[in-house]
Amino acid sequence: SSIRSDDRASRWIGDDFAILAPGIDAEQAGLLARRIETGLQSERISIRWGAAEYHGDALTAQDLLAAARKATARKAEDVAA
């Protein structure tokens, strides 16, 4: 498995999935995404990913998901440029 036993993965909307990975930072989230991508290569599935961190501030779950979607969109724009 590409995710840790404490992580939670679930289908979010359509073909979008969300992974709750407590205790990791943005760099570790990138490593997690690369592990998942490597695990999916044999299935000919590619991923686009974005990460958002929660630091105990007033973010709601929706705010956190929106931040991750924005990060994913920024990465897609960087690749397209």
PDB file of N, CA and C in Angstrom:
ATOM      1  N   SER A   1       0.832  -1.188   0.000  1.00  0.00           N
ATOM      2  CA  SER A   1       0.000   0.000   0.000  1.00  0.00           C
ATOM      3  C   SER A   1       0.874   1.248   0.000  1.00  0.00           C
ATOM      4  N   SER A   2       0.423   2.269  -0.660  1.00  0.00           N
ATOM      5  CA  SER A   2       1.173   3.521  -0.748  1.00  0.00           C
ATOM      6  C   SER A   2       0.901   4.450   0.420  1.00  0.00           C
ATOM      7  N   ILE A   3      -0.196   4.237   1.135  1.00  0.00           N
ATOM      8  CA  ILE A   3      -0.506   5.118   2.256  1.00  0.00           C
ATOM      9  C   ILE A   3      -0.258   4.402   3.576  1.00  0.00           C
ATOM     10  N   ARG A   4      -0.089   5.201   4.625  1.00  0.00           N
ATOM     11  CA  ARG A   4       0.179   4.651   5.954  1.00  0.00           C
ATOM     12  C   ARG A   4      -1.120   4.172   6.603  1.00  0.00           C
ATOM     13  N   SER A   5      -1.000   3.389   7.653  1.00  0.00           N
ATOM     14  CA  SER A   5      -2.191   2.857   8.318  1.00  0.00           C
ATOM     15  C   SER A   5      -3.045   3.963   8.942  1.00  0.00           C
ATOM     16  N   ASP A   6      -2.449   5.102   9.300  1.00  0.00           N
ATOM     17  CA  ASP A   6      -3.206   6.215   9.880  1.00  0.00           C
ATOM     18  C   ASP A   6      -3.848   7.116   8.828  1.00  0.00           C
ATOM     19  N   ASP A   7      -3.465   6.977   7.571  1.00  0.00           N
ATOM     20  CA  ASP A   7      -4.011   7.803   6.496  1.00  0.00           C
ATOM     21  C   ASP A   7      -5.394   7.287   6.095  1.00  0.00           C
ATOM     22  N   ARG A   8      -6.203   8.185   5.596  1.00  0.00           N
ATOM     23  CA  ARG A   8      -7.534   7.817   5.115  1.00  0.00           C
ATOM     24  C   ARG A   8      -7.703   8.324   3.692  1.00  0.00           C
ATOM     25  N   ALA A   9      -8.079   7.427   2.799  1.00  0.00           N
ATOM     26  CA  ALA A   9      -8.313   7.783   1.397  1.00  0.00           C
ATOM     27  C   ALA A   9      -9.781   7.540   1.082  1.00  0.00           C
ATOM     28  N   SER A  10     -10.352   8.443   0.292  1.00  0.00           N
ATOM     29  CA  SER A  10     -11.739   8.262  -0.087  1.00  0.00           C
ATOM     30  C   SER A  10     -12.044   8.986  -1.384  1.00  0.00           C
ATOM     31  N   ARG A  11     -13.021   8.451  -2.109  1.00  0.00           N
ATOM     32  CA  ARG A  11     -13.486   9.134  -3.322  1.00  0.00           C
ATOM     33  C   ARG A  11     -14.187  10.399  -2.869  1.00  0.00           C
ATOM     34  N   TRP A  12     -13.869  11.483  -3.550  1.00  0.00           N
ATOM     35  CA  TRP A  12     -14.441  12.765  -3.155  1.00  0.00           C
ATOM     36  C   TRP A  12     -15.556  13.145  -4.121  1.00  0.00           C
ATOM     37  N   ILE A  13     -15.198  13.507  -5.352  1.00  0.00           N
ATOM     38  CA  ILE A  13     -16.186  13.890  -6.363  1.00  0.00           C
ATOM     39  C   ILE A  13     -15.737  13.287  -7.689  1.00  0.00           C
ATOM     40  N   GLY A  14     -16.606  12.522  -8.333  1.00  0.00           N
ATOM     41  CA  GLY A  14     -16.256  11.951  -9.638  1.00  0.00           C
ATOM     42  C   GLY A  14     -14.994  11.118  -9.571  1.00  0.00           C
ATOM     43  N   ASP A  15     -13.983  11.541 -10.329  1.00  0.00           N
ATOM     44  CA  ASP A  15     -12.704  10.833 -10.339  1.00  0.00           C
ATOM     45  C   ASP A  15     -11.707  11.432  -9.357  1.00  0.00           C
ATOM     46  N   ASP A  16     -12.163  12.309  -8.477  1.00  0.00           N
ATOM     47  CA  ASP A  16     -11.283  12.942  -7.497  1.00  0.00           C
ATOM     48  C   ASP A  16     -11.278  12.144  -6.200  1.00  0.00           C
ATOM     49  N   PHE A  17     -10.106  12.028  -5.629  1.00  0.00           N
ATOM     50  CA  PHE A  17      -9.936  11.354  -4.353  1.00  0.00           C
ATOM     51  C   PHE A  17      -9.248  12.304  -3.389  1.00  0.00           C
ATOM     52  N   ALA A  18      -9.520  12.132  -2.120  1.00  0.00           N
ATOM     53  CA  ALA A  18      -8.854  12.915  -1.081  1.00  0.00           C
ATOM     54  C   ALA A  18      -8.176  11.948  -0.120  1.00  0.00           C
ATOM     55  N   ILE A  19      -7.011  12.334   0.344  1.00  0.00           N
ATOM     56  CA  ILE A  19      -6.296  11.541   1.341  1.00  0.00           C
ATOM     57  C   ILE A  19      -6.027  12.439   2.535  1.00  0.00           C
ATOM     58  N   LEU A  20      -6.487  12.015   3.687  1.00  0.00           N
ATOM     59  CA  LEU A  20      -6.182  12.695   4.936  1.00  0.00           C
ATOM     60  C   LEU A  20      -4.963  11.989   5.517  1.00  0.00           C
ATOM     61  N   ALA A  21      -3.865  12.718   5.620  1.00  0.00           N
ATOM     62  CA  ALA A  21      -2.592  12.134   6.063  1.00  0.00           C
ATOM     63  C   ALA A  21      -2.075  12.946   7.253  1.00  0.00           C
ATOM     64  N   PRO A  22      -2.532  12.611   8.458  1.00  0.00           N
ATOM     65  CA  PRO A  22      -2.153  13.394   9.628  1.00  0.00           C
ATOM     66  C   PRO A  22      -0.648  13.372   9.890  1.00  0.00           C
ATOM     67  N   GLY A  23      -0.140  14.527  10.309  1.00  0.00           N
ATOM     68  CA  GLY A  23       1.245  14.599  10.764  1.00  0.00           C
ATOM     69  C   GLY A  23       2.294  14.728   9.682  1.00  0.00           C
ATOM     70  N   ILE A  24       1.893  14.998   8.427  1.00  0.00           N
ATOM     71  CA  ILE A  24       2.908  15.175   7.392  1.00  0.00           C
ATOM     72  C   ILE A  24       2.877  16.609   6.878  1.00  0.00           C
ATOM     73  N   ASP A  25       4.022  17.058   6.376  1.00  0.00           N
ATOM     74  CA  ASP A  25       4.106  18.407   5.821  1.00  0.00           C
ATOM     75  C   ASP A  25       4.016  18.337   4.297  1.00  0.00           C
ATOM     76  N   ALA A  26       4.149  19.485   3.650  1.00  0.00           N
ATOM     77  CA  ALA A  26       4.000  19.544   2.190  1.00  0.00           C
ATOM     78  C   ALA A  26       5.030  18.670   1.477  1.00  0.00           C
ATOM     79  N   GLU A  27       6.261  18.659   1.965  1.00  0.00           N
ATOM     80  CA  GLU A  27       7.295  17.831   1.327  1.00  0.00           C
ATOM     81  C   GLU A  27       6.948  16.353   1.436  1.00  0.00           C
ATOM     82  N   GLN A  28       6.504  15.932   2.610  1.00  0.00           N
ATOM     83  CA  GLN A  28       6.120  14.534   2.798  1.00  0.00           C
ATOM     84  C   GLN A  28       4.878  14.189   1.976  1.00  0.00           C
ATOM     85  N   ALA A  29       3.982  15.158   1.791  1.00  0.00           N
ATOM     86  CA  ALA A  29       2.806  14.934   0.940  1.00  0.00           C
ATOM     87  C   ALA A  29       3.241  14.675  -0.497  1.00  0.00           C
ATOM     88  N   GLY A  30       4.272  15.392  -0.946  1.00  0.00           N
ATOM     89  CA  GLY A  30       4.809  15.155  -2.286  1.00  0.00           C
ATOM     90  C   GLY A  30       5.379  13.757  -2.420  1.00  0.00           C
ATOM     91  N   LEU A  31       6.081  13.302  -1.388  1.00  0.00           N
ATOM     92  CA  LEU A  31       6.616  11.935  -1.407  1.00  0.00           C
ATOM     93  C   LEU A  31       5.483  10.918  -1.441  1.00  0.00           C
ATOM     94  N   LEU A  32       4.436  11.166  -0.679  1.00  0.00           N
ATOM     95  CA  LEU A  32       3.269  10.281  -0.682  1.00  0.00           C
ATOM     96  C   LEU A  32       2.646  10.226  -2.073  1.00  0.00           C
ATOM     97  N   ALA A  33       2.480  11.378  -2.704  1.00  0.00           N
ATOM     98  CA  ALA A  33       1.903  11.422  -4.054  1.00  0.00           C
ATOM     99  C   ALA A  33       2.766  10.652  -5.044  1.00  0.00           C
ATOM    100  N   ARG A  34       4.077  10.777  -4.932  1.00  0.00           N
ATOM    101  CA  ARG A  34       4.966  10.039  -5.846  1.00  0.00           C
ATOM    102  C   ARG A  34       4.882   8.531  -5.607  1.00  0.00           C
ATOM    103  N   ARG A  35       4.736   8.112  -4.339  1.00  0.00           N
ATOM    104  CA  ARG A  35       4.563   6.677  -4.057  1.00  0.00           C
ATOM    105  C   ARG A  35       3.274   6.168  -4.690  1.00  0.00           C
ATOM    106  N   ILE A  36       2.216   6.933  -4.559  1.00  0.00           N
ATOM    107  CA  ILE A  36       0.931   6.535  -5.151  1.00  0.00           C
ATOM    108  C   ILE A  36       1.052   6.484  -6.669  1.00  0.00           C
ATOM    109  N   GLU A  37       1.675   7.497  -7.249  1.00  0.00           N
ATOM    110  CA  GLU A  37       1.853   7.540  -8.703  1.00  0.00           C
ATOM    111  C   GLU A  37       2.661   6.345  -9.189  1.00  0.00           C
ATOM    112  N   THR A  38       3.719   6.003  -8.478  1.00  0.00           N
ATOM    113  CA  THR A  38       4.537   4.842  -8.838  1.00  0.00           C
ATOM    114  C   THR A  38       3.708   3.564  -8.761  1.00  0.00           C
ATOM    115  N   GLY A  39       2.892   3.446  -7.724  1.00  0.00           N
ATOM    116  CA  GLY A  39       2.047   2.267  -7.568  1.00  0.00           C
ATOM    117  C   GLY A  39       1.000   2.129  -8.657  1.00  0.00           C
ATOM    118  N   LEU A  40       0.611   3.237  -9.266  1.00  0.00           N
ATOM    119  CA  LEU A  40      -0.424   3.214 -10.304  1.00  0.00           C
ATOM    120  C   LEU A  40       0.131   3.099 -11.718  1.00  0.00           C
ATOM    121  N   GLN A  41       1.436   3.193 -11.885  1.00  0.00           N
ATOM    122  CA  GLN A  41       2.025   3.163 -13.229  1.00  0.00           C
ATOM    123  C   GLN A  41       1.657   1.902 -13.995  1.00  0.00           C
ATOM    124  N   SER A  42       1.635   0.769 -13.321  1.00  0.00           N
ATOM    125  CA  SER A  42       1.312  -0.474 -14.022  1.00  0.00           C
ATOM    126  C   SER A  42      -0.150  -0.502 -14.471  1.00  0.00           C
ATOM    127  N   GLU A  43      -0.980   0.330 -13.883  1.00  0.00           N
ATOM    128  CA  GLU A  43      -2.394   0.412 -14.259  1.00  0.00           C
ATOM    129  C   GLU A  43      -2.632   1.453 -15.351  1.00  0.00           C
ATOM    130  N   ARG A  44      -1.570   2.127 -15.783  1.00  0.00           N
ATOM    131  CA  ARG A  44      -1.661   3.197 -16.783  1.00  0.00           C
ATOM    132  C   ARG A  44      -2.606   4.311 -16.334  1.00  0.00           C
ATOM    133  N   ILE A  45      -2.495   4.638 -15.072  1.00  0.00           N
ATOM    134  CA  ILE A  45      -3.278   5.717 -14.488  1.00  0.00           C
ATOM    135  C   ILE A  45      -2.307   6.807 -14.064  1.00  0.00           C
ATOM    136  N   SER A  46      -2.632   8.032 -14.404  1.00  0.00           N
ATOM    137  CA  SER A  46      -1.796   9.148 -13.956  1.00  0.00           C
ATOM    138  C   SER A  46      -2.575   9.957 -12.928  1.00  0.00           C
ATOM    139  N   ILE A  47      -1.842  10.733 -12.153  1.00  0.00           N
ATOM    140  CA  ILE A  47      -2.499  11.558 -11.150  1.00  0.00           C
ATOM    141  C   ILE A  47      -2.016  13.000 -11.254  1.00  0.00           C
ATOM    142  N   ARG A  48      -2.868  13.905 -10.837  1.00  0.00           N
ATOM    143  CA  ARG A  48      -2.496  15.291 -10.559  1.00  0.00           C
ATOM    144  C   ARG A  48      -2.828  15.479  -9.093  1.00  0.00           C
ATOM    145  N   TRP A  49      -1.965  16.145  -8.374  1.00  0.00           N
ATOM    146  CA  TRP A  49      -2.214  16.263  -6.946  1.00  0.00           C
ATOM    147  C   TRP A  49      -1.861  17.649  -6.434  1.00  0.00           C
ATOM    148  N   GLY A  50      -2.470  17.976  -5.335  1.00  0.00           N
ATOM    149  CA  GLY A  50      -2.173  19.206  -4.614  1.00  0.00           C
ATOM    150  C   GLY A  50      -2.301  18.910  -3.137  1.00  0.00           C
ATOM    151  N   ALA A  51      -1.601  19.657  -2.326  1.00  0.00           N
ATOM    152  CA  ALA A  51      -1.623  19.426  -0.883  1.00  0.00           C
ATOM    153  C   ALA A  51      -1.991  20.710  -0.158  1.00  0.00           C
ATOM    154  N   ALA A  52      -2.645  20.548   0.961  1.00  0.00           N
ATOM    155  CA  ALA A  52      -2.946  21.661   1.855  1.00  0.00           C
ATOM    156  C   ALA A  52      -2.645  21.194   3.270  1.00  0.00           C
ATOM    157  N   GLU A  53      -2.095  22.095   4.070  1.00  0.00           N
ATOM    158  CA  GLU A  53      -1.740  21.750   5.444  1.00  0.00           C
ATOM    159  C   GLU A  53      -2.701  22.416   6.421  1.00  0.00           C
ATOM    160  N   TYR A  54      -2.990  21.707   7.494  1.00  0.00           N
ATOM    161  CA  TYR A  54      -3.816  22.233   8.579  1.00  0.00           C
ATOM    162  C   TYR A  54      -2.926  22.407   9.796  1.00  0.00           C
ATOM    163  N   HIS A  55      -2.911  23.619  10.339  1.00  0.00           N
ATOM    164  CA  HIS A  55      -2.045  23.914  11.485  1.00  0.00           C
ATOM    165  C   HIS A  55      -2.848  24.285  12.723  1.00  0.00           C
ATOM    166  N   GLY A  56      -4.068  23.807  12.819  1.00  0.00           N
ATOM    167  CA  GLY A  56      -4.891  24.102  13.977  1.00  0.00           C
ATOM    168  C   GLY A  56      -5.585  25.449  13.898  1.00  0.00           C
ATOM    169  N   ASP A  57      -5.530  26.091  12.735  1.00  0.00           N
ATOM    170  CA  ASP A  57      -6.204  27.375  12.583  1.00  0.00           C
ATOM    171  C   ASP A  57      -7.686  27.162  12.276  1.00  0.00           C
ATOM    172  N   ALA A  58      -8.360  28.181  11.863  1.00  0.00           N
ATOM    173  CA  ALA A  58      -9.814  28.145  11.732  1.00  0.00           C
ATOM    174  C   ALA A  58     -10.315  27.563  10.413  1.00  0.00           C
ATOM    175  N   LEU A  59      -9.482  26.851   9.690  1.00  0.00           N
ATOM    176  CA  LEU A  59      -9.935  26.262   8.429  1.00  0.00           C
ATOM    177  C   LEU A  59     -11.016  25.218   8.668  1.00  0.00           C
ATOM    178  N   THR A  60     -11.994  25.217   7.792  1.00  0.00           N
ATOM    179  CA  THR A  60     -12.986  24.142   7.799  1.00  0.00           C
ATOM    180  C   THR A  60     -12.489  23.046   6.859  1.00  0.00           C
ATOM    181  N   ALA A  61     -13.153  21.910   6.874  1.00  0.00           N
ATOM    182  CA  ALA A  61     -12.800  20.829   5.950  1.00  0.00           C
ATOM    183  C   ALA A  61     -12.940  21.314   4.510  1.00  0.00           C
ATOM    184  N   GLN A  62     -13.982  22.089   4.228  1.00  0.00           N
ATOM    185  CA  GLN A  62     -14.189  22.614   2.873  1.00  0.00           C
ATOM    186  C   GLN A  62     -13.063  23.558   2.476  1.00  0.00           C
ATOM    187  N   ASP A  63     -12.593  24.402   3.428  1.00  0.00           N
ATOM    188  CA  ASP A  63     -11.475  25.307   3.141  1.00  0.00           C
ATOM    189  C   ASP A  63     -10.220  24.518   2.803  1.00  0.00           C
ATOM    190  N   LEU A  64      -9.981  23.455   3.545  1.00  0.00           N
ATOM    191  CA  LEU A  64      -8.799  22.627   3.321  1.00  0.00           C
ATOM    192  C   LEU A  64      -8.861  21.953   1.953  1.00  0.00           C
ATOM    193  N   LEU A  65     -10.019  21.417   1.601  1.00  0.00           N
ATOM    194  CA  LEU A  65     -10.180  20.792   0.286  1.00  0.00           C
ATOM    195  C   LEU A  65     -10.050  21.823  -0.832  1.00  0.00           C
ATOM    196  N   ALA A  66     -10.589  23.014  -0.626  1.00  0.00           N
ATOM    197  CA  ALA A  66     -10.466  24.073  -1.634  1.00  0.00           C
ATOM    198  C   ALA A  66      -9.007  24.462  -1.825  1.00  0.00           C
ATOM    199  N   ALA A  67      -8.248  24.537  -0.743  1.00  0.00           N
ATOM    200  CA  ALA A  67      -6.822  24.867  -0.841  1.00  0.00           C
ATOM    201  C   ALA A  67      -6.069  23.784  -1.611  1.00  0.00           C
ATOM    202  N   ALA A  68      -6.412  22.527  -1.379  1.00  0.00           N
ATOM    203  CA  ALA A  68      -5.763  21.431  -2.110  1.00  0.00           C
ATOM    204  C   ALA A  68      -6.119  21.491  -3.594  1.00  0.00           C
ATOM    205  N   ARG A  69      -7.367  21.804  -3.921  1.00  0.00           N
ATOM    206  CA  ARG A  69      -7.776  21.929  -5.329  1.00  0.00           C
ATOM    207  C   ARG A  69      -7.031  23.068  -6.010  1.00  0.00           C
ATOM    208  N   LYS A  70      -6.860  24.187  -5.304  1.00  0.00           N
ATOM    209  CA  LYS A  70      -6.112  25.315  -5.862  1.00  0.00           C
ATOM    210  C   LYS A  70      -4.661  24.925  -6.113  1.00  0.00           C
ATOM    211  N   ALA A  71      -4.077  24.175  -5.186  1.00  0.00           N
ATOM    212  CA  ALA A  71      -2.696  23.729  -5.364  1.00  0.00           C
ATOM    213  C   ALA A  71      -2.581  22.812  -6.577  1.00  0.00           C
ATOM    214  N   THR A  72      -3.574  21.947  -6.768  1.00  0.00           N
ATOM    215  CA  THR A  72      -3.584  21.060  -7.932  1.00  0.00           C
ATOM    216  C   THR A  72      -3.686  21.877  -9.219  1.00  0.00           C
ATOM    217  N   ALA A  73      -4.553  22.878  -9.228  1.00  0.00           N
ATOM    218  CA  ALA A  73      -4.720  23.726 -10.414  1.00  0.00           C
ATOM    219  C   ALA A  73      -3.439  24.497 -10.715  1.00  0.00           C
ATOM    220  N   ARG A  74      -2.765  25.011  -9.681  1.00  0.00           N
ATOM    221  CA  ARG A  74      -1.502  25.728  -9.899  1.00  0.00           C
ATOM    222  C   ARG A  74      -0.457  24.811 -10.517  1.00  0.00           C
ATOM    223  N   LYS A  75      -0.379  23.565 -10.037  1.00  0.00           N
ATOM    224  CA  LYS A  75       0.580  22.613 -10.603  1.00  0.00           C
ATOM    225  C   LYS A  75       0.257  22.337 -12.066  1.00  0.00           C
ATOM    226  N   ALA A  76      -1.024  22.196 -12.393  1.00  0.00           N
ATOM    227  CA  ALA A  76      -1.425  21.943 -13.781  1.00  0.00           C
ATOM    228  C   ALA A  76      -1.057  23.128 -14.662  1.00  0.00           C
ATOM    229  N   GLU A  77      -1.232  24.353 -14.156  1.00  0.00           N
ATOM    230  CA  GLU A  77      -0.858  25.547 -14.919  1.00  0.00           C
ATOM    231  C   GLU A  77       0.649  25.603 -15.139  1.00  0.00           C
ATOM    232  N   ASP A  78       1.423  25.234 -14.115  1.00  0.00           N
ATOM    233  CA  ASP A  78       2.883  25.233 -14.238  1.00  0.00           C
ATOM    234  C   ASP A  78       3.347  24.246 -15.303  1.00  0.00           C
ATOM    235  N   VAL A  79       2.700  23.077 -15.357  1.00  0.00           N
ATOM    236  CA  VAL A  79       3.062  22.056 -16.341  1.00  0.00           C
ATOM    237  C   VAL A  79       2.704  22.532 -17.741  1.00  0.00           C
ATOM    238  N   ALA A  80       1.557  23.203 -17.875  1.00  0.00           N
ATOM    239  CA  ALA A  80       1.096  23.669 -19.185  1.00  0.00           C
ATOM    240  C   ALA A  80       1.936  24.829 -19.716  1.00  0.00           C
ATOM    241  N   ALA A  81       2.557  25.576 -18.828  1.00  0.00           N
ATOM    242  CA  ALA A  81       3.335  26.764 -19.247  1.00  0.00           C
ATOM    243  C   ALA A  81       4.646  26.404 -19.900  1.00  0.00           C
TER     244      ALA A  81
END
